Amino acid sequence: MAAKTIEVKIDDRGVDRSLKKFKRLCESYGVIREYRKRQEYKKPSVRQKEKLAAAEKRRKKAEMKVSKTSKI
């Protein structure tokens, strides 16, 4: 995979505005997400368990939300 370069030109508007634009571009390219993902290696089995646990947590949260709103 070829690395994409993020280029931001600093013009007369100021450094702050250019920095905001740089952060926005990093977010859109997924640089930060990829960095966090690569910080430590996780075995595929561990990753799958975490994914299942997160899905279970979301399901329980949705279930609680429905049960709170439908009290009769």
Protein backbone atom coordinates (compact mmCIF):
# COMPACT_ATOMS: atom_id res chain seq x y z
CA MET A 1 0.00 0.00 0.00
CA ALA A 2 1.43 3.34 -1.02
CA ALA A 3 1.62 5.95 1.70
CA LYS A 4 -0.42 9.07 1.13
CA THR A 5 1.19 12.31 2.10
CA ILE A 6 -0.81 14.99 3.79
CA GLU A 7 0.22 18.44 2.69
CA VAL A 8 -1.11 21.69 4.10
CA LYS A 9 0.15 25.03 2.92
CA ILE A 10 0.35 27.76 5.52
CA ASP A 11 -0.94 30.99 4.05
CA ASP A 12 -1.77 34.44 5.37
CA ARG A 13 -4.81 33.14 7.29
CA GLY A 14 -2.56 31.79 10.02
CA VAL A 15 -1.07 28.70 11.50
CA ASP A 16 -4.10 27.82 13.64
CA ARG A 17 -6.39 27.44 10.66
CA SER A 18 -3.81 25.36 8.80
CA LEU A 19 -3.35 23.13 11.86
CA LYS A 20 -7.12 22.54 12.04
CA LYS A 21 -7.11 21.61 8.36
CA PHE A 22 -4.21 19.20 8.94
CA LYS A 23 -6.05 17.51 11.80
CA ARG A 24 -9.20 17.20 9.68
CA LEU A 25 -7.22 15.60 6.85
CA CYS A 26 -5.52 13.17 9.25
CA GLU A 27 -8.94 12.18 10.56
CA SER A 28 -10.38 11.67 7.08
CA TYR A 29 -7.44 9.52 5.95
CA GLY A 30 -7.70 7.44 9.14
CA VAL A 31 -4.11 8.13 10.25
CA ILE A 32 -4.90 8.26 13.97
CA ARG A 33 -7.09 5.15 13.88
CA GLU A 34 -4.36 3.21 12.05
CA TYR A 35 -1.72 4.45 14.50
CA ARG A 36 -3.72 3.28 17.51
CA LYS A 37 -4.44 -0.06 15.85
CA ARG A 38 -0.72 -0.68 15.26
CA GLN A 39 0.47 0.41 18.71
CA GLU A 40 0.25 -3.15 19.98
CA TYR A 41 -0.31 -6.49 18.32
CA LYS A 42 -3.41 -8.45 19.24
CA LYS A 43 -3.92 -12.03 18.23
CA PRO A 44 -6.91 -12.56 15.93
CA SER A 45 -8.64 -14.65 18.61
CA VAL A 46 -8.33 -11.81 21.15
CA ARG A 47 -9.58 -9.30 18.59
CA GLN A 48 -12.61 -11.52 17.87
CA LYS A 49 -13.40 -11.88 21.60
CA GLU A 50 -13.25 -8.10 22.05
CA LYS A 51 -15.52 -7.64 19.05
CA LEU A 52 -18.08 -10.10 20.45
CA ALA A 53 -17.94 -8.47 23.89
CA ALA A 54 -18.54 -5.03 22.36
CA ALA A 55 -21.52 -6.37 20.38
CA GLU A 56 -22.97 -7.93 23.54
CA LYS A 57 -22.53 -4.64 25.41
CA ARG A 58 -24.32 -2.73 22.63
CA ARG A 59 -27.14 -5.28 22.61
CA LYS A 60 -27.62 -5.03 26.38
CA LYS A 61 -27.54 -1.23 26.23
CA ALA A 62 -30.21 -1.17 23.52
CA GLU A 63 -32.29 -3.67 25.49
CA MET A 64 -32.10 -1.51 28.63
CA LYS A 65 -33.08 1.56 26.65
CA VAL A 66 -36.16 -0.20 25.25
CA SER A 67 -37.18 -1.58 28.64
CA LYS A 68 -36.93 1.87 30.28
CA THR A 69 -39.11 3.54 27.67
CA SER A 70 -41.80 0.84 27.53
CA LYS A 71 -42.86 0.70 31.17
CA ILE A 72 -46.62 0.33 31.37
